[in-house]
Amino acid sequence: MPSLAYSILKFHELDDLEKMIDFAINEDKEIDFNVIEPIPEGLEIHAAPYQDASIASYYNTLDEDEQKKLIKDLKENAFVDIDEILSEATAQEQEQILTAEERIDLGQEYYENLIKYEVPDAYEWTKVHWGMKGFAMDTNVNEDDLKISFTTAGRGVRALMYKLYEKSHIPFVYQYTNDKFTAYGEIVFSDNGITENDVDEEWVDKVFDAK
């Protein structure tokens, strides 16, 4: 099971909480990192376990010069295995596999994304640009306590919170910890500046009920 991180945005005023809801909570009732740093159009395709096989299917539709260009373009990309693509392409051709048009189109999308963005899909893009893989989950808005809580995969989203304040200009306190309660922190974003508070295990126990 992948590790999780827990995050809390705390506000001093209800008006600031409501502004943040309007700014950053999407129709699915989740905090939306796309308002901070949008995922480029075209990357919103589902990650699939057969990425290289899909690219191989697309490869087999190309002429020889185009095939050489594809191999050259992807040779240094860490997200693909060129040997696997060529092996799969050969196997499909030898076995005369009738590849679905949908998979050929998917392979083309992966290839074009790898060339343009150096990543195949949105999940890999979020890992590079948001510092974690995927999206915010389990968002909860508590108007009584003036806070928004959510979880993310892997770790907290410190860098995104700096960008959130820069874009929204809404004061808030960002609190975070990993699911082992060993990496944590608190950052205050206000009109008076940005400060990182010193916190300890006792703070984690109190804020995130770690015991």
Protein backbone atom coordinates (compact mmCIF):
# COMPACT_ATOMS: atom_id res chain seq x y z
CA MET A 1 0.00 0.00 0.00
CA PRO A 2 1.46 3.40 -0.97
CA SER A 3 2.36 5.79 1.82
CA LEU A 4 0.13 8.79 2.45
CA ALA A 5 0.56 12.32 3.72
CA TYR A 6 -1.98 14.29 5.72
CA SER A 7 -2.43 18.03 5.19
CA ILE A 8 -4.46 20.74 6.89
CA LEU A 9 -5.15 24.32 5.83
CA LYS A 10 -6.18 26.45 8.83
CA PHE A 11 -7.76 29.89 8.61
CA HIS A 12 -8.24 32.73 11.09
CA GLU A 13 -11.41 34.05 9.47
CA LEU A 14 -14.46 32.31 8.00
CA ASP A 15 -14.31 34.73 5.08
CA ASP A 16 -10.82 33.45 4.18
CA LEU A 17 -12.01 29.83 4.38
CA GLU A 18 -14.94 30.61 2.08
CA LYS A 19 -12.63 32.37 -0.38
CA MET A 20 -10.38 29.31 -0.46
CA ILE A 21 -13.37 27.02 -1.02
CA ASP A 22 -14.37 29.15 -4.02
CA PHE A 23 -10.81 29.26 -5.31
CA ALA A 24 -9.52 25.73 -4.78
CA ILE A 25 -12.34 23.22 -4.20
CA ASN A 26 -13.61 21.56 -7.40
CA GLU A 27 -16.96 20.02 -8.36
CA ASP A 28 -15.87 16.70 -6.85
CA LYS A 29 -15.47 18.45 -3.47
CA GLU A 30 -11.70 17.91 -3.55
CA ILE A 31 -8.98 20.53 -3.29
CA ASP A 32 -7.84 21.03 -6.86
CA PHE A 33 -4.13 21.45 -7.52
CA ASN A 34 -4.95 22.35 -11.12
CA VAL A 35 -5.86 25.87 -10.00
CA ILE A 36 -2.29 26.18 -8.69
CA GLU A 37 -0.30 24.56 -11.49
CA PRO A 38 -2.55 23.17 -14.26
CA ILE A 39 -1.88 19.81 -15.88
CA PRO A 40 -1.20 20.50 -19.59
CA GLU A 41 -3.93 19.56 -22.03
CA GLY A 42 -3.36 16.15 -23.57
CA LEU A 43 -1.85 14.51 -20.50
CA GLU A 44 -5.24 13.58 -19.04
CA ILE A 45 -5.09 10.00 -20.27
CA HIS A 46 -5.31 6.99 -18.02
CA ALA A 47 -2.03 5.44 -16.98
CA ALA A 48 -1.90 1.88 -18.29
CA PRO A 49 0.33 -1.11 -17.56
CA TYR A 50 0.82 -1.62 -21.32
CA GLN A 51 2.34 1.75 -22.16
CA ASP A 52 5.31 0.33 -24.09
CA ALA A 53 3.05 -2.17 -25.87
CA SER A 54 0.76 0.66 -26.95
CA ILE A 55 3.71 2.62 -28.29
CA ALA A 56 4.82 -0.55 -30.09
CA SER A 57 1.39 -0.80 -31.73
CA TYR A 58 1.72 2.79 -32.92
CA TYR A 59 5.32 2.09 -34.05
CA ASN A 60 4.10 -0.67 -36.38
CA THR A 61 1.86 1.81 -38.23
CA LEU A 62 4.81 4.06 -39.16
CA ASP A 63 7.09 3.94 -42.16
CA GLU A 64 10.79 3.19 -41.70
CA ASP A 65 11.93 6.80 -41.38
CA GLU A 66 9.20 7.56 -38.85
CA GLN A 67 10.13 4.47 -36.85
CA LYS A 68 13.75 5.59 -36.71
CA LYS A 69 12.66 9.03 -35.53
CA LEU A 70 10.48 7.53 -32.78
CA ILE A 71 13.37 5.43 -31.49
CA LYS A 72 15.73 8.41 -31.58
CA ASP A 73 13.19 10.64 -29.81
CA LEU A 74 12.56 8.17 -26.99
CA LYS A 75 16.02 6.66 -26.60
CA GLU A 76 17.00 8.79 -23.58
CA ASN A 77 13.56 8.99 -21.97
CA ALA A 78 13.43 7.35 -18.54
CA PHE A 79 9.72 6.58 -18.78
CA VAL A 80 10.02 4.05 -21.60
CA ASP A 81 12.02 0.91 -22.40
CA ILE A 82 13.13 1.06 -26.06
CA ASP A 83 14.14 -2.61 -26.08
CA GLU A 84 10.71 -3.56 -24.78
CA ILE A 85 8.99 -1.41 -27.42
CA LEU A 86 11.00 -3.02 -30.25
CA SER A 87 10.52 -6.53 -28.87
CA GLU A 88 6.79 -6.00 -28.50
CA ALA A 89 6.53 -4.47 -31.98
CA THR A 90 8.33 -7.49 -33.49
CA ALA A 91 6.14 -9.93 -31.59
CA GLN A 92 2.96 -8.18 -32.71
CA GLU A 93 4.15 -8.17 -36.32
CA GLN A 94 5.30 -11.80 -36.34
CA GLU A 95 2.13 -13.04 -34.70
CA GLN A 96 0.09 -10.76 -36.99
CA ILE A 97 -1.73 -9.36 -34.01
CA LEU A 98 -4.64 -7.22 -35.09
CA THR A 99 -4.20 -4.26 -32.79
CA ALA A 100 -7.24 -2.25 -31.82
CA GLU A 101 -7.30 1.28 -33.20
CA GLU A 102 -7.85 2.54 -29.65
CA ARG A 103 -4.50 1.12 -28.52
CA ILE A 104 -2.71 2.57 -31.55
CA ASP A 105 -4.19 5.98 -30.73
CA LEU A 106 -3.12 5.57 -27.10
CA GLY A 107 0.41 4.71 -28.18
CA GLN A 108 0.50 7.83 -30.33
CA GLU A 109 -0.70 9.95 -27.40
CA TYR A 110 1.99 8.51 -25.13
CA TYR A 111 4.64 9.18 -27.76
CA GLU A 112 3.54 12.77 -28.39
CA ASN A 113 3.35 13.49 -24.64
CA LEU A 114 6.82 12.08 -24.09
CA ILE A 115 8.19 14.36 -26.80
CA LYS A 116 6.34 17.48 -25.70
CA TYR A 117 6.33 17.09 -21.90
CA GLU A 118 8.92 14.32 -21.32
CA VAL A 119 6.28 12.34 -19.40
CA PRO A 120 3.59 9.97 -20.75
CA ASP A 121 0.57 10.97 -18.68
CA ALA A 122 -0.88 13.18 -15.96
CA TYR A 123 0.18 10.97 -13.06
CA GLU A 124 3.85 11.13 -14.01
CA TRP A 125 3.53 14.87 -14.65
CA THR A 126 2.12 15.46 -11.15
CA LYS A 127 5.02 13.56 -9.65
CA VAL A 128 7.48 15.91 -11.36
CA HIS A 129 5.58 19.19 -10.98
CA TRP A 130 3.46 18.74 -7.86
CA GLY A 131 5.95 16.68 -5.90
CA MET A 132 3.60 13.72 -5.49
CA LYS A 133 1.79 11.28 -7.74
CA GLY A 134 -1.88 11.86 -8.41
CA PHE A 135 -4.41 14.19 -6.86
CA ALA A 136 -5.71 15.31 -3.47
CA MET A 137 -8.03 12.82 -1.78
CA ASP A 138 -10.47 12.72 1.16
CA THR A 139 -10.90 16.50 1.26
CA ASN A 140 -12.91 17.63 4.25
CA VAL A 141 -14.10 21.19 4.89
CA ASN A 142 -14.79 22.01 8.56
CA GLU A 143 -16.32 25.46 8.85
CA ASP A 144 -16.61 25.22 12.65
CA ASP A 145 -12.86 24.66 13.04
CA LEU A 146 -12.01 26.88 10.04
CA LYS A 147 -9.94 24.24 8.27
CA ILE A 148 -9.65 22.12 5.13
CA SER A 149 -7.97 18.73 5.42
CA PHE A 150 -6.89 16.32 2.66
CA THR A 151 -4.52 13.46 1.92
CA THR A 152 -1.97 12.97 -0.84
CA ALA A 153 0.23 10.12 -1.98
CA GLY A 154 3.72 9.98 -0.57
CA ARG A 155 4.32 13.28 1.17
CA GLY A 156 3.06 16.74 1.91
CA VAL A 157 2.82 19.40 -0.76
CA ARG A 158 4.93 22.23 0.62
CA ALA A 159 5.96 23.68 -2.75
CA LEU A 160 2.36 23.69 -3.98
CA MET A 161 1.21 25.55 -0.88
CA TYR A 162 3.71 28.34 -1.58
CA LYS A 163 2.26 28.58 -5.08
CA LEU A 164 -1.30 28.43 -3.72
CA TYR A 165 -0.67 31.46 -1.53
CA GLU A 166 1.10 33.27 -4.36
CA LYS A 167 -1.91 32.76 -6.63
CA SER A 168 -4.77 33.17 -4.17
CA HIS A 169 -3.36 35.79 -1.74
CA ILE A 170 -5.54 34.14 0.93
CA PRO A 171 -3.86 33.87 4.38
CA PHE A 172 -3.68 30.35 5.85
CA VAL A 173 -1.54 28.03 7.93
CA TYR A 174 -0.33 24.82 6.28
CA GLN A 175 0.22 21.80 8.53
CA TYR A 176 1.41 18.43 7.25
CA THR A 177 2.83 15.05 8.22
CA ASN A 178 3.53 11.69 6.63
CA ASP A 179 1.61 8.60 7.73
CA LYS A 180 4.48 7.47 9.96
CA PHE A 181 4.46 10.87 11.69
CA THR A 182 8.20 11.25 11.13
CA ALA A 183 8.27 14.13 8.59
CA TYR A 184 6.10 17.11 9.47
CA GLY A 185 5.91 20.88 9.57
CA GLU A 186 3.86 24.06 9.78
CA ILE A 187 4.07 27.07 7.46
CA VAL A 188 2.26 30.36 8.04
CA PHE A 189 1.22 32.32 4.94
CA SER A 190 0.08 35.84 5.84
CA ASP A 191 0.15 39.45 4.72
CA ASN A 192 3.12 39.90 7.06
CA GLY A 193 5.16 37.30 5.21
CA ILE A 194 5.81 33.58 5.22
CA THR A 195 7.28 31.79 8.22
CA GLU A 196 8.02 28.16 9.06
CA ASN A 197 7.29 27.31 12.68
CA ASP A 198 9.38 24.94 14.77
CA VAL A 199 7.26 21.91 15.63
CA ASP A 200 7.96 18.61 17.37
CA GLU A 201 6.48 15.18 18.06
CA GLU A 202 4.13 16.60 20.68
CA TRP A 203 2.77 18.99 18.06
CA VAL A 204 2.17 16.11 15.63
CA ASP A 205 0.36 14.11 18.31
CA LYS A 206 -1.90 17.07 19.05
CA VAL A 207 -2.64 18.22 15.49
CA PHE A 208 -2.93 14.85 13.74
CA ASP A 209 -3.91 12.63 16.66
CA ALA A 210 -0.85 10.49 15.94
CA LYS A 211 -1.12 8.29 19.03
